[in-house]
N, C-alpha and C. Protein backbone atom coordinates (compact mmCIF):
# COMPACT_ATOMS: atom_id res chain seq x y z
N MET A 1 5.37 -23.68 -20.40
CA MET A 1 6.31 -22.60 -20.31
C MET A 1 7.05 -22.70 -19.00
N ALA A 2 8.31 -22.31 -19.03
CA ALA A 2 9.14 -22.40 -17.84
C ALA A 2 8.63 -21.48 -16.74
N SER A 3 8.05 -20.33 -17.10
CA SER A 3 7.59 -19.39 -16.09
C SER A 3 6.35 -19.90 -15.36
N GLU A 4 5.71 -20.92 -15.87
CA GLU A 4 4.53 -21.47 -15.23
C GLU A 4 4.94 -22.54 -14.24
N SER A 5 5.44 -22.10 -13.12
CA SER A 5 5.80 -23.05 -12.09
C SER A 5 4.60 -23.24 -11.19
N THR A 6 4.77 -24.03 -10.16
CA THR A 6 3.66 -24.28 -9.25
C THR A 6 3.40 -23.07 -8.36
N ARG A 7 4.30 -22.10 -8.37
CA ARG A 7 4.12 -20.90 -7.57
C ARG A 7 3.52 -19.79 -8.46
N VAL A 8 2.55 -19.12 -7.92
CA VAL A 8 1.92 -18.02 -8.63
C VAL A 8 1.97 -16.81 -7.71
N SER A 9 2.35 -15.65 -8.24
CA SER A 9 2.49 -14.47 -7.40
C SER A 9 1.15 -14.00 -6.84
N GLY A 10 1.23 -13.28 -5.74
CA GLY A 10 0.02 -12.73 -5.13
C GLY A 10 -0.70 -11.77 -6.06
N LEU A 11 0.08 -11.00 -6.84
CA LEU A 11 -0.50 -10.08 -7.82
C LEU A 11 -1.36 -10.85 -8.82
N ALA A 12 -0.81 -11.93 -9.35
CA ALA A 12 -1.54 -12.72 -10.34
C ALA A 12 -2.80 -13.32 -9.74
N VAL A 13 -2.72 -13.79 -8.51
CA VAL A 13 -3.89 -14.38 -7.85
C VAL A 13 -4.98 -13.33 -7.64
N ARG A 14 -4.58 -12.13 -7.21
CA ARG A 14 -5.58 -11.08 -6.99
C ARG A 14 -6.30 -10.71 -8.29
N TYR A 15 -5.54 -10.52 -9.35
CA TYR A 15 -6.14 -10.18 -10.64
C TYR A 15 -7.03 -11.33 -11.14
N ALA A 16 -6.54 -12.56 -11.00
CA ALA A 16 -7.31 -13.72 -11.48
C ALA A 16 -8.61 -13.87 -10.69
N THR A 17 -8.56 -13.63 -9.40
CA THR A 17 -9.77 -13.72 -8.57
C THR A 17 -10.77 -12.65 -8.98
N ALA A 18 -10.28 -11.45 -9.22
CA ALA A 18 -11.16 -10.36 -9.66
C ALA A 18 -11.79 -10.70 -11.01
N LEU A 19 -10.99 -11.24 -11.93
CA LEU A 19 -11.52 -11.63 -13.24
C LEU A 19 -12.58 -12.72 -13.09
N TYR A 20 -12.32 -13.70 -12.23
CA TYR A 20 -13.30 -14.77 -12.02
C TYR A 20 -14.61 -14.17 -11.50
N ASP A 21 -14.51 -13.27 -10.53
CA ASP A 21 -15.72 -12.66 -9.97
C ASP A 21 -16.50 -11.89 -11.03
N LEU A 22 -15.79 -11.13 -11.88
CA LEU A 22 -16.45 -10.40 -12.96
C LEU A 22 -17.10 -11.36 -13.97
N ALA A 23 -16.38 -12.40 -14.32
CA ALA A 23 -16.90 -13.38 -15.28
C ALA A 23 -18.12 -14.09 -14.71
N ASP A 24 -18.07 -14.42 -13.43
CA ASP A 24 -19.19 -15.10 -12.78
C ASP A 24 -20.41 -14.19 -12.74
N GLU A 25 -20.17 -12.92 -12.40
CA GLU A 25 -21.26 -11.94 -12.35
C GLU A 25 -21.89 -11.75 -13.73
N SER A 26 -21.07 -11.81 -14.78
CA SER A 26 -21.55 -11.63 -16.15
C SER A 26 -22.01 -12.93 -16.79
N ARG A 27 -21.94 -14.01 -16.05
CA ARG A 27 -22.29 -15.35 -16.54
C ARG A 27 -21.46 -15.71 -17.79
N ALA A 28 -20.16 -15.40 -17.71
CA ALA A 28 -19.27 -15.64 -18.84
C ALA A 28 -18.02 -16.43 -18.43
N VAL A 29 -18.13 -17.22 -17.38
CA VAL A 29 -16.96 -17.95 -16.87
C VAL A 29 -16.39 -18.88 -17.93
N ASP A 30 -17.25 -19.64 -18.60
CA ASP A 30 -16.76 -20.58 -19.61
C ASP A 30 -16.11 -19.85 -20.78
N ALA A 31 -16.70 -18.74 -21.20
CA ALA A 31 -16.13 -17.97 -22.32
C ALA A 31 -14.78 -17.39 -21.93
N VAL A 32 -14.67 -16.85 -20.73
CA VAL A 32 -13.40 -16.29 -20.27
C VAL A 32 -12.35 -17.39 -20.14
N ALA A 33 -12.75 -18.53 -19.62
CA ALA A 33 -11.81 -19.66 -19.50
C ALA A 33 -11.29 -20.08 -20.87
N ALA A 34 -12.17 -20.13 -21.86
CA ALA A 34 -11.75 -20.50 -23.22
C ALA A 34 -10.82 -19.43 -23.81
N ASP A 35 -11.13 -18.16 -23.55
CA ASP A 35 -10.27 -17.07 -24.03
C ASP A 35 -8.87 -17.17 -23.42
N LEU A 36 -8.83 -17.42 -22.12
CA LEU A 36 -7.53 -17.50 -21.44
C LEU A 36 -6.73 -18.71 -21.88
N LYS A 37 -7.42 -19.80 -22.18
CA LYS A 37 -6.71 -20.98 -22.69
C LYS A 37 -6.10 -20.66 -24.05
N ALA A 38 -6.85 -19.97 -24.90
CA ALA A 38 -6.32 -19.59 -26.22
C ALA A 38 -5.12 -18.66 -26.06
N LEU A 39 -5.20 -17.70 -25.14
CA LEU A 39 -4.07 -16.81 -24.90
C LEU A 39 -2.87 -17.56 -24.35
N ARG A 40 -3.12 -18.50 -23.45
CA ARG A 40 -2.02 -19.31 -22.89
C ARG A 40 -1.31 -20.08 -24.00
N ASP A 41 -2.09 -20.64 -24.91
CA ASP A 41 -1.50 -21.38 -26.03
C ASP A 41 -0.69 -20.46 -26.93
N MET A 42 -1.20 -19.25 -27.17
CA MET A 42 -0.46 -18.29 -27.99
C MET A 42 0.85 -17.91 -27.31
N LEU A 43 0.81 -17.69 -26.02
CA LEU A 43 2.02 -17.34 -25.28
C LEU A 43 3.03 -18.48 -25.32
N ALA A 44 2.54 -19.70 -25.23
CA ALA A 44 3.44 -20.86 -25.26
C ALA A 44 4.11 -21.01 -26.62
N ASP A 45 3.42 -20.60 -27.67
CA ASP A 45 3.93 -20.78 -29.03
C ASP A 45 4.77 -19.63 -29.56
N SER A 46 4.78 -18.49 -28.87
CA SER A 46 5.42 -17.31 -29.45
C SER A 46 6.40 -16.63 -28.49
N ASP A 47 7.67 -16.74 -28.81
CA ASP A 47 8.69 -16.02 -28.03
C ASP A 47 8.49 -14.51 -28.15
N ASP A 48 8.13 -14.07 -29.36
CA ASP A 48 7.93 -12.63 -29.59
C ASP A 48 6.80 -12.08 -28.71
N LEU A 49 5.71 -12.80 -28.62
CA LEU A 49 4.59 -12.36 -27.79
C LEU A 49 5.01 -12.29 -26.33
N ARG A 50 5.73 -13.29 -25.86
CA ARG A 50 6.20 -13.27 -24.48
C ARG A 50 7.11 -12.06 -24.23
N ARG A 51 7.94 -11.74 -25.21
CA ARG A 51 8.82 -10.56 -25.07
C ARG A 51 8.01 -9.27 -25.03
N VAL A 52 7.00 -9.16 -25.87
CA VAL A 52 6.18 -7.94 -25.91
C VAL A 52 5.50 -7.70 -24.57
N ILE A 53 4.93 -8.72 -23.97
CA ILE A 53 4.21 -8.50 -22.71
C ILE A 53 5.15 -8.33 -21.52
N ALA A 54 6.38 -8.81 -21.63
CA ALA A 54 7.29 -8.75 -20.50
C ALA A 54 8.28 -7.59 -20.56
N SER A 55 8.46 -7.02 -21.71
CA SER A 55 9.51 -6.01 -21.89
C SER A 55 9.10 -4.64 -21.37
N PRO A 56 9.94 -4.05 -20.51
CA PRO A 56 9.66 -2.69 -20.07
C PRO A 56 9.98 -1.66 -21.17
N LEU A 57 10.62 -2.11 -22.23
CA LEU A 57 10.94 -1.22 -23.35
C LEU A 57 9.74 -0.97 -24.26
N VAL A 58 8.76 -1.85 -24.21
CA VAL A 58 7.54 -1.67 -25.01
C VAL A 58 6.57 -0.83 -24.18
N SER A 59 6.08 0.24 -24.76
CA SER A 59 5.20 1.15 -24.02
C SER A 59 3.89 0.44 -23.65
N ARG A 60 3.26 0.95 -22.61
CA ARG A 60 1.97 0.39 -22.19
C ARG A 60 0.94 0.49 -23.31
N ALA A 61 0.98 1.60 -24.03
CA ALA A 61 0.03 1.79 -25.13
C ALA A 61 0.23 0.74 -26.21
N ASP A 62 1.50 0.47 -26.55
CA ASP A 62 1.78 -0.55 -27.56
C ASP A 62 1.42 -1.95 -27.06
N GLN A 63 1.68 -2.19 -25.78
CA GLN A 63 1.28 -3.49 -25.21
C GLN A 63 -0.23 -3.65 -25.25
N GLU A 64 -0.93 -2.57 -24.93
CA GLU A 64 -2.40 -2.62 -24.95
C GLU A 64 -2.91 -2.90 -26.36
N LYS A 65 -2.34 -2.20 -27.36
CA LYS A 65 -2.75 -2.44 -28.75
C LYS A 65 -2.51 -3.89 -29.14
N ALA A 66 -1.35 -4.43 -28.78
CA ALA A 66 -1.00 -5.80 -29.14
C ALA A 66 -1.94 -6.81 -28.49
N ILE A 67 -2.17 -6.65 -27.19
CA ILE A 67 -3.00 -7.64 -26.48
C ILE A 67 -4.46 -7.54 -26.91
N LEU A 68 -4.93 -6.32 -27.20
CA LEU A 68 -6.31 -6.17 -27.67
C LEU A 68 -6.48 -6.70 -29.08
N ALA A 69 -5.43 -6.61 -29.90
CA ALA A 69 -5.47 -7.21 -31.24
C ALA A 69 -5.58 -8.73 -31.13
N LEU A 70 -4.86 -9.30 -30.17
CA LEU A 70 -4.98 -10.75 -29.96
C LEU A 70 -6.37 -11.11 -29.45
N ALA A 71 -6.90 -10.30 -28.55
CA ALA A 71 -8.25 -10.55 -28.03
C ALA A 71 -9.27 -10.51 -29.16
N GLU A 72 -9.09 -9.57 -30.07
CA GLU A 72 -9.98 -9.47 -31.23
C GLU A 72 -9.85 -10.71 -32.12
N ARG A 73 -8.61 -11.14 -32.29
CA ARG A 73 -8.33 -12.30 -33.15
C ARG A 73 -9.02 -13.57 -32.65
N ILE A 74 -9.05 -13.75 -31.33
CA ILE A 74 -9.68 -14.95 -30.77
C ILE A 74 -11.15 -14.72 -30.46
N GLU A 75 -11.65 -13.52 -30.83
CA GLU A 75 -13.04 -13.16 -30.56
C GLU A 75 -13.38 -13.31 -29.08
N ALA A 76 -12.54 -12.69 -28.28
CA ALA A 76 -12.68 -12.78 -26.82
C ALA A 76 -13.97 -12.13 -26.35
N ALA A 77 -14.46 -12.66 -25.25
CA ALA A 77 -15.66 -12.10 -24.61
C ALA A 77 -15.35 -10.68 -24.13
N PRO A 78 -16.37 -9.83 -24.05
CA PRO A 78 -16.14 -8.45 -23.58
C PRO A 78 -15.43 -8.38 -22.22
N VAL A 79 -15.79 -9.27 -21.32
CA VAL A 79 -15.15 -9.29 -19.99
C VAL A 79 -13.64 -9.52 -20.15
N THR A 80 -13.26 -10.45 -21.00
CA THR A 80 -11.85 -10.74 -21.22
C THR A 80 -11.15 -9.55 -21.85
N ARG A 81 -11.77 -8.97 -22.87
CA ARG A 81 -11.17 -7.81 -23.55
C ARG A 81 -10.95 -6.66 -22.59
N ASN A 82 -11.97 -6.35 -21.79
CA ASN A 82 -11.85 -5.25 -20.83
C ASN A 82 -10.76 -5.54 -19.80
N PHE A 83 -10.70 -6.78 -19.35
CA PHE A 83 -9.68 -7.17 -18.38
C PHE A 83 -8.28 -7.01 -18.96
N LEU A 84 -8.08 -7.51 -20.17
CA LEU A 84 -6.76 -7.40 -20.80
C LEU A 84 -6.35 -5.96 -21.02
N GLY A 85 -7.30 -5.12 -21.42
CA GLY A 85 -7.01 -3.70 -21.59
C GLY A 85 -6.60 -3.05 -20.28
N LEU A 86 -7.31 -3.38 -19.21
CA LEU A 86 -6.97 -2.84 -17.89
C LEU A 86 -5.59 -3.28 -17.45
N VAL A 87 -5.31 -4.57 -17.60
CA VAL A 87 -4.01 -5.11 -17.20
C VAL A 87 -2.89 -4.41 -17.97
N ALA A 88 -3.10 -4.18 -19.25
CA ALA A 88 -2.08 -3.50 -20.07
C ALA A 88 -1.91 -2.05 -19.62
N ARG A 89 -3.01 -1.35 -19.39
CA ARG A 89 -2.92 0.05 -18.96
C ARG A 89 -2.23 0.20 -17.61
N LYS A 90 -2.41 -0.79 -16.74
CA LYS A 90 -1.79 -0.76 -15.42
C LYS A 90 -0.33 -1.24 -15.45
N GLY A 91 0.14 -1.67 -16.63
CA GLY A 91 1.52 -2.13 -16.74
C GLY A 91 1.75 -3.48 -16.07
N ARG A 92 0.75 -4.34 -16.10
CA ARG A 92 0.84 -5.63 -15.42
C ARG A 92 0.83 -6.82 -16.38
N LEU A 93 0.99 -6.58 -17.67
CA LEU A 93 0.95 -7.69 -18.63
C LEU A 93 2.05 -8.72 -18.38
N PHE A 94 3.15 -8.30 -17.77
CA PHE A 94 4.23 -9.25 -17.47
C PHE A 94 3.73 -10.41 -16.61
N ALA A 95 2.68 -10.17 -15.83
CA ALA A 95 2.14 -11.19 -14.94
C ALA A 95 0.99 -11.98 -15.57
N LEU A 96 0.69 -11.74 -16.84
CA LEU A 96 -0.44 -12.40 -17.49
C LEU A 96 -0.35 -13.94 -17.45
N PRO A 97 0.80 -14.55 -17.73
CA PRO A 97 0.84 -16.02 -17.63
C PRO A 97 0.45 -16.52 -16.23
N GLY A 98 0.89 -15.84 -15.20
CA GLY A 98 0.52 -16.22 -13.83
C GLY A 98 -0.95 -16.00 -13.56
N MET A 99 -1.51 -14.92 -14.12
CA MET A 99 -2.94 -14.64 -13.96
C MET A 99 -3.78 -15.73 -14.61
N ILE A 100 -3.35 -16.15 -15.79
CA ILE A 100 -4.07 -17.22 -16.50
C ILE A 100 -4.04 -18.50 -15.69
N LEU A 101 -2.86 -18.85 -15.21
CA LEU A 101 -2.71 -20.07 -14.41
C LEU A 101 -3.55 -19.99 -13.13
N ALA A 102 -3.52 -18.84 -12.45
CA ALA A 102 -4.29 -18.67 -11.22
C ALA A 102 -5.79 -18.75 -11.51
N PHE A 103 -6.24 -18.16 -12.62
CA PHE A 103 -7.66 -18.24 -12.99
C PHE A 103 -8.05 -19.69 -13.22
N GLN A 104 -7.24 -20.43 -13.96
CA GLN A 104 -7.56 -21.82 -14.25
C GLN A 104 -7.60 -22.66 -12.97
N ARG A 105 -6.69 -22.41 -12.07
CA ARG A 105 -6.69 -23.14 -10.79
C ARG A 105 -7.93 -22.79 -9.96
N HIS A 106 -8.27 -21.51 -9.94
CA HIS A 106 -9.45 -21.07 -9.19
C HIS A 106 -10.71 -21.72 -9.76
N LEU A 107 -10.82 -21.72 -11.08
CA LEU A 107 -11.96 -22.33 -11.75
C LEU A 107 -12.03 -23.82 -11.45
N ALA A 108 -10.90 -24.49 -11.50
CA ALA A 108 -10.88 -25.94 -11.23
C ALA A 108 -11.33 -26.22 -9.80
N ARG A 109 -10.86 -25.44 -8.84
CA ARG A 109 -11.27 -25.62 -7.45
C ARG A 109 -12.77 -25.44 -7.30
N ARG A 110 -13.31 -24.41 -7.96
CA ARG A 110 -14.75 -24.15 -7.87
C ARG A 110 -15.57 -25.28 -8.47
N ARG A 111 -15.03 -25.93 -9.47
CA ARG A 111 -15.73 -27.03 -10.13
C ARG A 111 -15.44 -28.38 -9.50
N GLY A 112 -14.60 -28.41 -8.49
CA GLY A 112 -14.25 -29.67 -7.84
C GLY A 112 -13.30 -30.51 -8.68
N GLU A 113 -12.56 -29.86 -9.55
CA GLU A 113 -11.61 -30.58 -10.41
C GLU A 113 -10.21 -30.45 -9.82
N MET A 114 -9.36 -31.38 -10.19
CA MET A 114 -7.96 -31.31 -9.82
C MET A 114 -7.15 -31.28 -11.11
N THR A 115 -5.97 -30.69 -11.02
CA THR A 115 -5.09 -30.66 -12.18
C THR A 115 -3.85 -31.46 -11.87
N ALA A 116 -3.54 -32.37 -12.77
CA ALA A 116 -2.32 -33.17 -12.65
C ALA A 116 -1.29 -32.61 -13.61
N GLU A 117 -0.11 -32.29 -13.08
CA GLU A 117 0.99 -31.87 -13.92
C GLU A 117 1.77 -33.12 -14.30
N VAL A 118 1.82 -33.42 -15.58
CA VAL A 118 2.46 -34.64 -16.06
C VAL A 118 3.63 -34.27 -16.96
N VAL A 119 4.80 -34.79 -16.62
CA VAL A 119 5.99 -34.56 -17.42
C VAL A 119 6.40 -35.91 -18.01
N THR A 120 6.54 -35.95 -19.32
CA THR A 120 6.91 -37.19 -20.00
C THR A 120 8.09 -36.96 -20.94
N ALA A 121 8.71 -38.05 -21.35
CA ALA A 121 9.84 -37.95 -22.27
C ALA A 121 9.36 -37.65 -23.69
N ARG A 122 8.16 -38.12 -24.01
CA ARG A 122 7.56 -37.87 -25.32
C ARG A 122 6.13 -37.39 -25.10
N PRO A 123 5.57 -36.65 -26.06
CA PRO A 123 4.19 -36.17 -25.89
C PRO A 123 3.20 -37.33 -25.72
N LEU A 124 2.21 -37.11 -24.86
CA LEU A 124 1.15 -38.10 -24.67
C LEU A 124 0.14 -37.98 -25.80
N SER A 125 -0.34 -39.12 -26.27
CA SER A 125 -1.42 -39.09 -27.25
C SER A 125 -2.71 -38.71 -26.51
N SER A 126 -3.73 -38.34 -27.24
CA SER A 126 -4.99 -37.98 -26.59
C SER A 126 -5.58 -39.18 -25.86
N GLN A 127 -5.39 -40.37 -26.41
CA GLN A 127 -5.88 -41.59 -25.75
C GLN A 127 -5.12 -41.84 -24.45
N GLN A 128 -3.80 -41.69 -24.47
CA GLN A 128 -3.00 -41.89 -23.25
C GLN A 128 -3.39 -40.86 -22.19
N SER A 129 -3.59 -39.63 -22.61
CA SER A 129 -3.98 -38.58 -21.68
C SER A 129 -5.34 -38.88 -21.06
N ALA A 130 -6.28 -39.33 -21.87
CA ALA A 130 -7.62 -39.68 -21.38
C ALA A 130 -7.56 -40.86 -20.42
N ASN A 131 -6.76 -41.87 -20.76
CA ASN A 131 -6.60 -43.03 -19.87
C ASN A 131 -5.98 -42.63 -18.53
N LEU A 132 -4.97 -41.78 -18.58
CA LEU A 132 -4.33 -41.32 -17.35
C LEU A 132 -5.30 -40.52 -16.50
N ALA A 133 -6.07 -39.63 -17.13
CA ALA A 133 -7.06 -38.83 -16.40
C ALA A 133 -8.10 -39.73 -15.74
N ALA A 134 -8.55 -40.76 -16.45
CA ALA A 134 -9.54 -41.69 -15.89
C ALA A 134 -8.96 -42.45 -14.71
N ARG A 135 -7.72 -42.88 -14.83
CA ARG A 135 -7.06 -43.63 -13.74
C ARG A 135 -6.87 -42.73 -12.52
N LEU A 136 -6.45 -41.50 -12.74
CA LEU A 136 -6.26 -40.57 -11.63
C LEU A 136 -7.60 -40.23 -10.97
N LYS A 137 -8.67 -40.16 -11.76
CA LYS A 137 -9.99 -39.89 -11.20
C LYS A 137 -10.39 -41.02 -10.25
N GLN A 138 -10.05 -42.26 -10.62
CA GLN A 138 -10.34 -43.40 -9.75
C GLN A 138 -9.59 -43.27 -8.43
N VAL A 139 -8.38 -42.76 -8.49
CA VAL A 139 -7.54 -42.65 -7.29
C VAL A 139 -8.04 -41.54 -6.36
N VAL A 140 -8.34 -40.36 -6.92
CA VAL A 140 -8.68 -39.21 -6.07
C VAL A 140 -10.18 -38.96 -5.93
N GLY A 141 -10.99 -39.52 -6.82
CA GLY A 141 -12.43 -39.35 -6.72
C GLY A 141 -12.97 -38.06 -7.32
N ASN A 142 -12.11 -37.23 -7.89
CA ASN A 142 -12.54 -35.99 -8.55
C ASN A 142 -12.15 -36.04 -10.01
N GLU A 143 -12.79 -35.14 -10.79
CA GLU A 143 -12.36 -34.99 -12.18
C GLU A 143 -10.92 -34.49 -12.18
N VAL A 144 -10.13 -34.99 -13.11
CA VAL A 144 -8.73 -34.60 -13.19
C VAL A 144 -8.43 -34.09 -14.59
N THR A 145 -7.84 -32.90 -14.65
CA THR A 145 -7.39 -32.32 -15.90
C THR A 145 -5.89 -32.54 -16.00
N ILE A 146 -5.44 -32.95 -17.17
CA ILE A 146 -4.02 -33.22 -17.38
C ILE A 146 -3.36 -32.02 -18.03
N GLU A 147 -2.32 -31.50 -17.40
CA GLU A 147 -1.46 -30.48 -18.00
C GLU A 147 -0.13 -31.17 -18.25
N SER A 148 0.17 -31.42 -19.50
CA SER A 148 1.38 -32.18 -19.78
C SER A 148 2.44 -31.31 -20.44
N ARG A 149 3.68 -31.69 -20.18
CA ARG A 149 4.80 -31.08 -20.89
C ARG A 149 5.84 -32.16 -21.11
N VAL A 150 6.74 -31.89 -22.03
CA VAL A 150 7.74 -32.87 -22.43
C VAL A 150 9.10 -32.46 -21.90
N ASP A 151 9.81 -33.44 -21.33
CA ASP A 151 11.19 -33.26 -20.88
C ASP A 151 11.98 -34.46 -21.37
N PRO A 152 12.68 -34.32 -22.50
CA PRO A 152 13.40 -35.46 -23.07
C PRO A 152 14.47 -36.04 -22.14
N ASP A 153 14.90 -35.27 -21.15
CA ASP A 153 15.91 -35.76 -20.20
C ASP A 153 15.38 -36.90 -19.33
N LEU A 154 14.07 -37.10 -19.29
CA LEU A 154 13.51 -38.19 -18.48
C LEU A 154 13.85 -39.56 -19.06
N LEU A 155 14.15 -39.61 -20.34
CA LEU A 155 14.47 -40.84 -21.07
C LEU A 155 13.25 -41.71 -21.33
N GLY A 156 12.38 -41.88 -20.37
CA GLY A 156 11.17 -42.68 -20.50
C GLY A 156 10.36 -42.56 -19.24
N GLY A 157 9.15 -43.09 -19.23
CA GLY A 157 8.30 -43.00 -18.05
C GLY A 157 7.69 -41.62 -17.91
N MET A 158 7.27 -41.29 -16.66
CA MET A 158 6.64 -39.99 -16.43
C MET A 158 6.76 -39.59 -14.98
N VAL A 159 6.56 -38.28 -14.75
CA VAL A 159 6.47 -37.73 -13.41
C VAL A 159 5.09 -37.08 -13.32
N VAL A 160 4.32 -37.47 -12.31
CA VAL A 160 2.96 -36.96 -12.14
C VAL A 160 2.88 -36.23 -10.81
N ARG A 161 2.42 -34.97 -10.84
CA ARG A 161 2.16 -34.19 -9.63
C ARG A 161 0.67 -33.93 -9.57
N LEU A 162 0.06 -34.33 -8.48
CA LEU A 162 -1.37 -34.13 -8.28
C LEU A 162 -1.54 -33.58 -6.87
N GLY A 163 -1.80 -32.30 -6.79
CA GLY A 163 -1.87 -31.68 -5.47
C GLY A 163 -0.50 -31.75 -4.81
N SER A 164 -0.47 -32.28 -3.59
CA SER A 164 0.81 -32.38 -2.88
C SER A 164 1.50 -33.72 -3.14
N ARG A 165 0.88 -34.57 -3.94
CA ARG A 165 1.46 -35.88 -4.23
C ARG A 165 2.30 -35.83 -5.51
N MET A 166 3.38 -36.61 -5.50
CA MET A 166 4.20 -36.72 -6.70
C MET A 166 4.63 -38.17 -6.86
N VAL A 167 4.47 -38.67 -8.08
CA VAL A 167 4.93 -40.02 -8.41
C VAL A 167 5.93 -39.88 -9.54
N ASP A 168 7.16 -40.32 -9.27
CA ASP A 168 8.23 -40.23 -10.27
C ASP A 168 8.56 -41.64 -10.75
N SER A 169 8.03 -41.98 -11.90
CA SER A 169 8.32 -43.30 -12.47
C SER A 169 9.15 -43.15 -13.74
N SER A 170 9.96 -42.08 -13.77
CA SER A 170 10.78 -41.85 -14.95
C SER A 170 11.98 -42.78 -14.96
N LEU A 171 12.44 -43.09 -16.13
CA LEU A 171 13.61 -43.95 -16.29
C LEU A 171 14.83 -43.28 -15.67
N ARG A 172 14.93 -41.97 -15.81
CA ARG A 172 16.07 -41.24 -15.24
C ARG A 172 16.15 -41.45 -13.73
N SER A 173 15.03 -41.31 -13.02
CA SER A 173 15.07 -41.47 -11.56
C SER A 173 15.32 -42.93 -11.17
N ARG A 174 14.79 -43.86 -11.95
CA ARG A 174 15.06 -45.28 -11.66
C ARG A 174 16.54 -45.59 -11.81
N LEU A 175 17.16 -45.04 -12.84
CA LEU A 175 18.60 -45.25 -13.03
C LEU A 175 19.40 -44.60 -11.90
N GLN A 176 18.97 -43.43 -11.45
CA GLN A 176 19.64 -42.77 -10.33
C GLN A 176 19.54 -43.61 -9.06
N ARG A 177 18.35 -44.17 -8.79
CA ARG A 177 18.17 -45.00 -7.60
C ARG A 177 19.03 -46.27 -7.70
N LEU A 178 19.07 -46.85 -8.89
CA LEU A 178 19.90 -48.04 -9.09
C LEU A 178 21.37 -47.72 -8.86
N SER A 179 21.83 -46.60 -9.38
CA SER A 179 23.21 -46.18 -9.22
C SER A 179 23.54 -45.98 -7.74
N LEU A 180 22.63 -45.34 -7.00
CA LEU A 180 22.87 -45.13 -5.58
C LEU A 180 22.89 -46.44 -4.80
N SER A 181 22.02 -47.36 -5.16
CA SER A 181 22.00 -48.65 -4.46
C SER A 181 23.26 -49.46 -4.76
N MET A 182 23.77 -49.35 -5.97
CA MET A 182 25.00 -50.07 -6.33
C MET A 182 26.20 -49.46 -5.58
N LYS A 183 26.22 -48.16 -5.41
CA LYS A 183 27.31 -47.52 -4.67
C LYS A 183 27.29 -47.93 -3.21
N GLY A 184 26.09 -48.10 -2.68
CA GLY A 184 25.95 -48.50 -1.26
C GLY A 184 26.42 -49.92 -1.02
N VAL A 185 26.31 -50.79 -2.05
CA VAL A 185 26.71 -52.19 -1.92
C VAL A 185 28.22 -52.33 -1.95
N GLY A 186 28.88 -51.58 -2.87
CA GLY A 186 30.31 -51.72 -3.11
C GLY A 186 31.12 -51.14 -2.05
């Protein structure tokens, strides 16, 4: 999703940290993580859902009913359900995508994992994703989770962001560098 940039608001981080602490206390971290992944996927697939949680025209009560219905549908853990209800009642559902991202980052840090943001011209197969994760693990020494998205404008190749490092091996950037070098020669 476009709203999932590398920046996460302080509000989202505070809520995500509180959720992590509650989940850890309840020994439900893995269940909450799975619930949030399912919600993230639903948000990515549904423009209508994104509008419902972001729209100030939808009442808090209606937002709460909608998000709790989704929680029921995915059979969310009680901690997740209670959290989502609270977020809806407080009128903070607009920040849910950021909260999910912040929770996932917090969890990854606690587990010693790193997340690589990979942008490709075409979707990666599961084998390609696994191979890339294994190669990145060799480079950084930690487990690496791949978050991939598709940008057809790249033409080919990929852009990989891992922490503060970025490797741009896309065809688009190679063509841009070639064009600049040719202009410098002429």
